[in-house]
Amino acid sequence: MVSYSDHTWGMGSGTVSQRDRKEHMTGETVEGTPRTYSGALLAAIAVAVLLGLGGLIWCYTLNSKLATQQQALANAAAQNTKLAAAQQDTDARLKVATDALKA
């Protein structure tokens, strides 16, 4: 009677027991297969790098827009100061002219 572990497989012209076959495959798989990164992991890393670069470009663009808006705000504040001074001068002249007309 043949036990399950001693069962033989026909391979070409010779036979190999299941135990020998398992030992051969185990040794071959461990020693013959090098560890590599999976394609999905490399794709995830590439996507992360691209998103990082995109974020940096976006930050630079926002920074330049912010600088432009700050300059425009400073110009508007300076213009408001000039207009306020001109309005005060006009109000003073108008008051003098009104006082002259009253008299």
N, C-alpha and C. Protein backbone atom coordinates (compact mmCIF):
# COMPACT_ATOMS: atom_id res chain seq x y z
N MET A 1 0.83 -1.17 0.00
CA MET A 1 0.00 0.00 0.00
C MET A 1 0.88 1.24 0.00
N VAL A 2 0.54 2.20 -0.82
CA VAL A 2 1.32 3.41 -0.97
C VAL A 2 0.69 4.51 -0.13
N SER A 3 1.50 5.16 0.70
CA SER A 3 0.96 6.27 1.50
C SER A 3 0.85 7.52 0.62
N TYR A 4 0.06 8.50 1.11
CA TYR A 4 -0.18 9.72 0.33
C TYR A 4 1.11 10.50 0.12
N SER A 5 1.99 10.52 1.13
CA SER A 5 3.22 11.29 0.99
C SER A 5 4.20 10.64 0.02
N ASP A 6 4.06 9.36 -0.20
CA ASP A 6 4.96 8.68 -1.12
C ASP A 6 4.35 8.54 -2.50
N HIS A 7 3.24 9.17 -2.74
CA HIS A 7 2.58 9.09 -4.04
C HIS A 7 3.51 9.64 -5.10
N THR A 8 3.62 8.98 -6.23
CA THR A 8 4.55 9.39 -7.27
C THR A 8 3.81 10.04 -8.42
N TRP A 9 4.48 10.97 -9.03
CA TRP A 9 3.95 11.67 -10.21
C TRP A 9 4.82 11.30 -11.40
N GLY A 10 4.20 11.08 -12.50
CA GLY A 10 4.94 10.78 -13.69
C GLY A 10 5.39 12.08 -14.37
N MET A 11 6.69 12.25 -14.57
CA MET A 11 7.21 13.45 -15.24
C MET A 11 8.15 12.98 -16.34
N GLY A 12 7.64 12.96 -17.53
CA GLY A 12 8.46 12.53 -18.65
C GLY A 12 8.81 11.06 -18.52
N SER A 13 10.11 10.78 -18.53
CA SER A 13 10.53 9.39 -18.47
C SER A 13 10.73 8.91 -17.05
N GLY A 14 10.86 9.82 -16.05
CA GLY A 14 11.10 9.41 -14.68
C GLY A 14 9.93 9.77 -13.79
N THR A 15 9.98 9.27 -12.56
CA THR A 15 8.94 9.60 -11.59
C THR A 15 9.57 10.30 -10.40
N VAL A 16 8.79 11.22 -9.79
CA VAL A 16 9.27 11.99 -8.64
C VAL A 16 8.22 11.87 -7.57
N SER A 17 8.64 11.56 -6.34
CA SER A 17 7.66 11.46 -5.26
C SER A 17 7.16 12.86 -4.91
N GLN A 18 5.96 12.90 -4.34
CA GLN A 18 5.35 14.20 -4.00
C GLN A 18 6.21 14.92 -2.97
N ARG A 19 6.80 14.23 -2.03
CA ARG A 19 7.64 14.84 -1.01
C ARG A 19 8.86 15.50 -1.66
N ASP A 20 9.51 14.77 -2.57
CA ASP A 20 10.68 15.32 -3.26
C ASP A 20 10.29 16.53 -4.11
N ARG A 21 9.16 16.42 -4.73
CA ARG A 21 8.69 17.53 -5.58
C ARG A 21 8.43 18.77 -4.73
N LYS A 22 7.78 18.59 -3.56
CA LYS A 22 7.48 19.71 -2.67
C LYS A 22 8.78 20.35 -2.16
N GLU A 23 9.74 19.53 -1.76
CA GLU A 23 11.01 20.05 -1.28
C GLU A 23 11.73 20.81 -2.39
N HIS A 24 11.69 20.30 -3.57
CA HIS A 24 12.34 20.96 -4.70
C HIS A 24 11.68 22.30 -5.00
N MET A 25 10.33 22.34 -5.01
CA MET A 25 9.62 23.58 -5.30
C MET A 25 9.81 24.61 -4.20
N THR A 26 9.82 24.18 -2.94
CA THR A 26 10.00 25.11 -1.83
C THR A 26 11.36 25.76 -1.90
N GLY A 27 12.38 24.98 -2.10
CA GLY A 27 13.74 25.53 -2.19
C GLY A 27 13.89 26.44 -3.38
N GLU A 28 13.27 26.07 -4.49
CA GLU A 28 13.37 26.88 -5.69
C GLU A 28 12.65 28.21 -5.54
N THR A 29 11.49 28.19 -4.88
CA THR A 29 10.72 29.42 -4.74
C THR A 29 11.42 30.40 -3.82
N VAL A 30 11.95 29.94 -2.74
CA VAL A 30 12.58 30.83 -1.77
C VAL A 30 13.88 31.38 -2.33
N GLU A 31 14.70 30.51 -2.91
CA GLU A 31 16.00 30.96 -3.38
C GLU A 31 15.94 31.66 -4.74
N GLY A 32 15.04 31.25 -5.60
CA GLY A 32 15.03 31.76 -6.96
C GLY A 32 14.25 33.05 -7.16
N THR A 33 13.37 33.40 -6.22
CA THR A 33 12.53 34.58 -6.40
C THR A 33 13.11 35.76 -5.63
N PRO A 34 13.66 36.77 -6.31
CA PRO A 34 14.18 37.94 -5.60
C PRO A 34 13.02 38.83 -5.14
N ARG A 35 13.24 39.57 -4.08
CA ARG A 35 12.20 40.48 -3.59
C ARG A 35 12.21 41.73 -4.46
N THR A 36 11.07 42.08 -4.95
CA THR A 36 10.93 43.30 -5.75
C THR A 36 9.72 44.07 -5.24
N TYR A 37 9.73 45.36 -5.51
CA TYR A 37 8.57 46.18 -5.16
C TYR A 37 7.47 45.91 -6.17
N SER A 38 6.28 45.93 -5.71
CA SER A 38 5.19 45.65 -6.63
C SER A 38 4.92 46.87 -7.51
N GLY A 39 4.32 46.64 -8.63
CA GLY A 39 4.01 47.73 -9.56
C GLY A 39 3.04 48.73 -8.95
N ALA A 40 2.11 48.24 -8.13
CA ALA A 40 1.15 49.15 -7.50
C ALA A 40 1.84 50.09 -6.53
N LEU A 41 2.83 49.57 -5.80
CA LEU A 41 3.56 50.42 -4.86
C LEU A 41 4.35 51.48 -5.61
N LEU A 42 4.99 51.09 -6.68
CA LEU A 42 5.74 52.07 -7.48
C LEU A 42 4.80 53.11 -8.09
N ALA A 43 3.63 52.69 -8.52
CA ALA A 43 2.66 53.63 -9.07
C ALA A 43 2.19 54.59 -7.98
N ALA A 44 1.97 54.10 -6.78
CA ALA A 44 1.55 54.96 -5.67
C ALA A 44 2.63 55.97 -5.32
N ILE A 45 3.87 55.55 -5.35
CA ILE A 45 4.99 56.46 -5.08
C ILE A 45 5.07 57.52 -6.17
N ALA A 46 4.91 57.12 -7.42
CA ALA A 46 4.96 58.07 -8.53
C ALA A 46 3.82 59.08 -8.43
N VAL A 47 2.63 58.62 -8.08
CA VAL A 47 1.49 59.53 -7.92
C VAL A 47 1.75 60.50 -6.78
N ALA A 48 2.32 60.01 -5.67
CA ALA A 48 2.62 60.88 -4.53
C ALA A 48 3.65 61.94 -4.90
N VAL A 49 4.66 61.56 -5.66
CA VAL A 49 5.67 62.53 -6.10
C VAL A 49 5.05 63.57 -7.02
N LEU A 50 4.22 63.12 -7.96
CA LEU A 50 3.57 64.06 -8.87
C LEU A 50 2.63 65.01 -8.12
N LEU A 51 1.89 64.47 -7.15
CA LEU A 51 1.01 65.33 -6.36
C LEU A 51 1.82 66.32 -5.53
N GLY A 52 2.96 65.90 -5.02
CA GLY A 52 3.83 66.80 -4.27
C GLY A 52 4.34 67.93 -5.14
N LEU A 53 4.79 67.58 -6.35
CA LEU A 53 5.27 68.62 -7.28
C LEU A 53 4.13 69.55 -7.69
N GLY A 54 2.97 68.98 -7.93
CA GLY A 54 1.81 69.81 -8.27
C GLY A 54 1.45 70.75 -7.13
N GLY A 55 1.54 70.27 -5.89
CA GLY A 55 1.27 71.11 -4.73
C GLY A 55 2.27 72.24 -4.61
N LEU A 56 3.53 71.96 -4.88
CA LEU A 56 4.54 73.01 -4.84
C LEU A 56 4.30 74.07 -5.91
N ILE A 57 3.94 73.64 -7.10
CA ILE A 57 3.66 74.59 -8.18
C ILE A 57 2.43 75.42 -7.83
N TRP A 58 1.41 74.77 -7.27
CA TRP A 58 0.20 75.48 -6.88
C TRP A 58 0.50 76.51 -5.79
N CYS A 59 1.33 76.14 -4.81
CA CYS A 59 1.71 77.08 -3.74
C CYS A 59 2.48 78.26 -4.32
N TYR A 60 3.39 78.02 -5.25
CA TYR A 60 4.14 79.10 -5.87
C TYR A 60 3.21 80.05 -6.62
N THR A 61 2.24 79.48 -7.34
CA THR A 61 1.28 80.30 -8.08
C THR A 61 0.44 81.14 -7.13
N LEU A 62 -0.04 80.52 -6.06
CA LEU A 62 -0.83 81.26 -5.08
C LEU A 62 0.01 82.35 -4.41
N ASN A 63 1.27 82.06 -4.15
CA ASN A 63 2.14 83.05 -3.53
C ASN A 63 2.34 84.26 -4.45
N SER A 64 2.52 84.03 -5.73
CA SER A 64 2.69 85.14 -6.66
C SER A 64 1.40 85.95 -6.80
N LYS A 65 0.24 85.26 -6.80
CA LYS A 65 -1.04 85.98 -6.84
C LYS A 65 -1.24 86.79 -5.58
N LEU A 66 -0.85 86.24 -4.44
CA LEU A 66 -0.98 86.96 -3.18
C LEU A 66 -0.10 88.21 -3.17
N ALA A 67 1.11 88.10 -3.68
CA ALA A 67 2.01 89.25 -3.75
C ALA A 67 1.42 90.33 -4.65
N THR A 68 0.83 89.93 -5.76
CA THR A 68 0.20 90.88 -6.68
C THR A 68 -0.97 91.58 -6.00
N GLN A 69 -1.79 90.82 -5.28
CA GLN A 69 -2.95 91.40 -4.59
C GLN A 69 -2.51 92.32 -3.46
N GLN A 70 -1.44 91.97 -2.75
CA GLN A 70 -0.94 92.84 -1.69
C GLN A 70 -0.43 94.16 -2.27
N GLN A 71 0.23 94.09 -3.41
CA GLN A 71 0.71 95.32 -4.05
C GLN A 71 -0.47 96.18 -4.50
N ALA A 72 -1.50 95.56 -5.05
CA ALA A 72 -2.68 96.30 -5.48
C ALA A 72 -3.38 96.94 -4.28
N LEU A 73 -3.43 96.25 -3.16
CA LEU A 73 -4.03 96.80 -1.95
C LEU A 73 -3.23 97.98 -1.43
N ALA A 74 -1.93 97.88 -1.46
CA ALA A 74 -1.08 98.99 -1.03
C ALA A 74 -1.28 100.20 -1.94
N ASN A 75 -1.39 99.97 -3.25
CA ASN A 75 -1.62 101.07 -4.19
C ASN A 75 -2.99 101.72 -3.95
N ALA A 76 -4.00 100.90 -3.67
CA ALA A 76 -5.34 101.43 -3.41
C ALA A 76 -5.35 102.24 -2.12
N ALA A 77 -4.63 101.78 -1.10
CA ALA A 77 -4.56 102.54 0.16
C ALA A 77 -3.87 103.88 -0.05
N ALA A 78 -2.82 103.90 -0.85
CA ALA A 78 -2.12 105.16 -1.15
C ALA A 78 -3.04 106.10 -1.93
N GLN A 79 -3.78 105.56 -2.88
CA GLN A 79 -4.72 106.37 -3.66
C GLN A 79 -5.83 106.92 -2.76
N ASN A 80 -6.32 106.13 -1.82
CA ASN A 80 -7.35 106.60 -0.89
C ASN A 80 -6.83 107.74 -0.02
N THR A 81 -5.57 107.65 0.39
CA THR A 81 -4.98 108.73 1.19
C THR A 81 -4.91 110.02 0.38
N LYS A 82 -4.49 109.90 -0.88
CA LYS A 82 -4.42 111.10 -1.76
C LYS A 82 -5.82 111.69 -1.96
N LEU A 83 -6.80 110.84 -2.20
CA LEU A 83 -8.16 111.33 -2.42
C LEU A 83 -8.75 111.97 -1.16
N ALA A 84 -8.44 111.42 0.00
CA ALA A 84 -8.93 112.00 1.26
C ALA A 84 -8.32 113.38 1.46
N ALA A 85 -7.04 113.54 1.14
CA ALA A 85 -6.38 114.85 1.27
C ALA A 85 -6.98 115.85 0.28
N ALA A 86 -7.25 115.40 -0.95
CA ALA A 86 -7.84 116.29 -1.95
C ALA A 86 -9.26 116.68 -1.54
N GLN A 87 -10.01 115.76 -0.95
CA GLN A 87 -11.37 116.07 -0.49
C GLN A 87 -11.34 117.09 0.65
N GLN A 88 -10.40 116.93 1.57
CA GLN A 88 -10.29 117.91 2.66
C GLN A 88 -9.95 119.30 2.11
N ASP A 89 -9.07 119.38 1.13
CA ASP A 89 -8.70 120.66 0.52
C ASP A 89 -9.91 121.27 -0.18
N THR A 90 -10.66 120.46 -0.89
CA THR A 90 -11.84 120.94 -1.59
C THR A 90 -12.90 121.41 -0.58
N ASP A 91 -13.10 120.66 0.50
CA ASP A 91 -14.05 121.07 1.53
C ASP A 91 -13.65 122.40 2.15
N ALA A 92 -12.35 122.61 2.39
CA ALA A 92 -11.88 123.87 2.98
C ALA A 92 -12.15 125.04 2.03
N ARG A 93 -11.84 124.86 0.73
CA ARG A 93 -12.09 125.94 -0.23
C ARG A 93 -13.58 126.23 -0.37
N LEU A 94 -14.39 125.16 -0.34
CA LEU A 94 -15.84 125.33 -0.44
C LEU A 94 -16.38 126.08 0.76
N LYS A 95 -15.86 125.81 1.93
CA LYS A 95 -16.30 126.51 3.13
C LYS A 95 -15.95 128.00 3.06
N VAL A 96 -14.74 128.29 2.56
CA VAL A 96 -14.32 129.69 2.42
C VAL A 96 -15.24 130.41 1.41
N ALA A 97 -15.52 129.74 0.29
CA ALA A 97 -16.37 130.36 -0.73
C ALA A 97 -17.79 130.55 -0.20
N THR A 98 -18.30 129.60 0.57
CA THR A 98 -19.65 129.71 1.12
C THR A 98 -19.70 130.85 2.14
N ASP A 99 -18.66 130.98 2.97
CA ASP A 99 -18.62 132.06 3.93
C ASP A 99 -18.56 133.41 3.23
N ALA A 100 -17.84 133.48 2.11
CA ALA A 100 -17.76 134.74 1.36
C ALA A 100 -19.10 135.09 0.75
N LEU A 101 -19.83 134.10 0.27
CA LEU A 101 -21.14 134.36 -0.31
C LEU A 101 -22.16 134.77 0.75
N LYS A 102 -22.06 134.25 1.97
CA LYS A 102 -22.97 134.60 3.04
C LYS A 102 -22.80 136.07 3.44
N ALA A 103 -21.57 136.52 3.36
CA ALA A 103 -21.30 137.89 3.79
C ALA A 103 -21.70 138.83 2.71
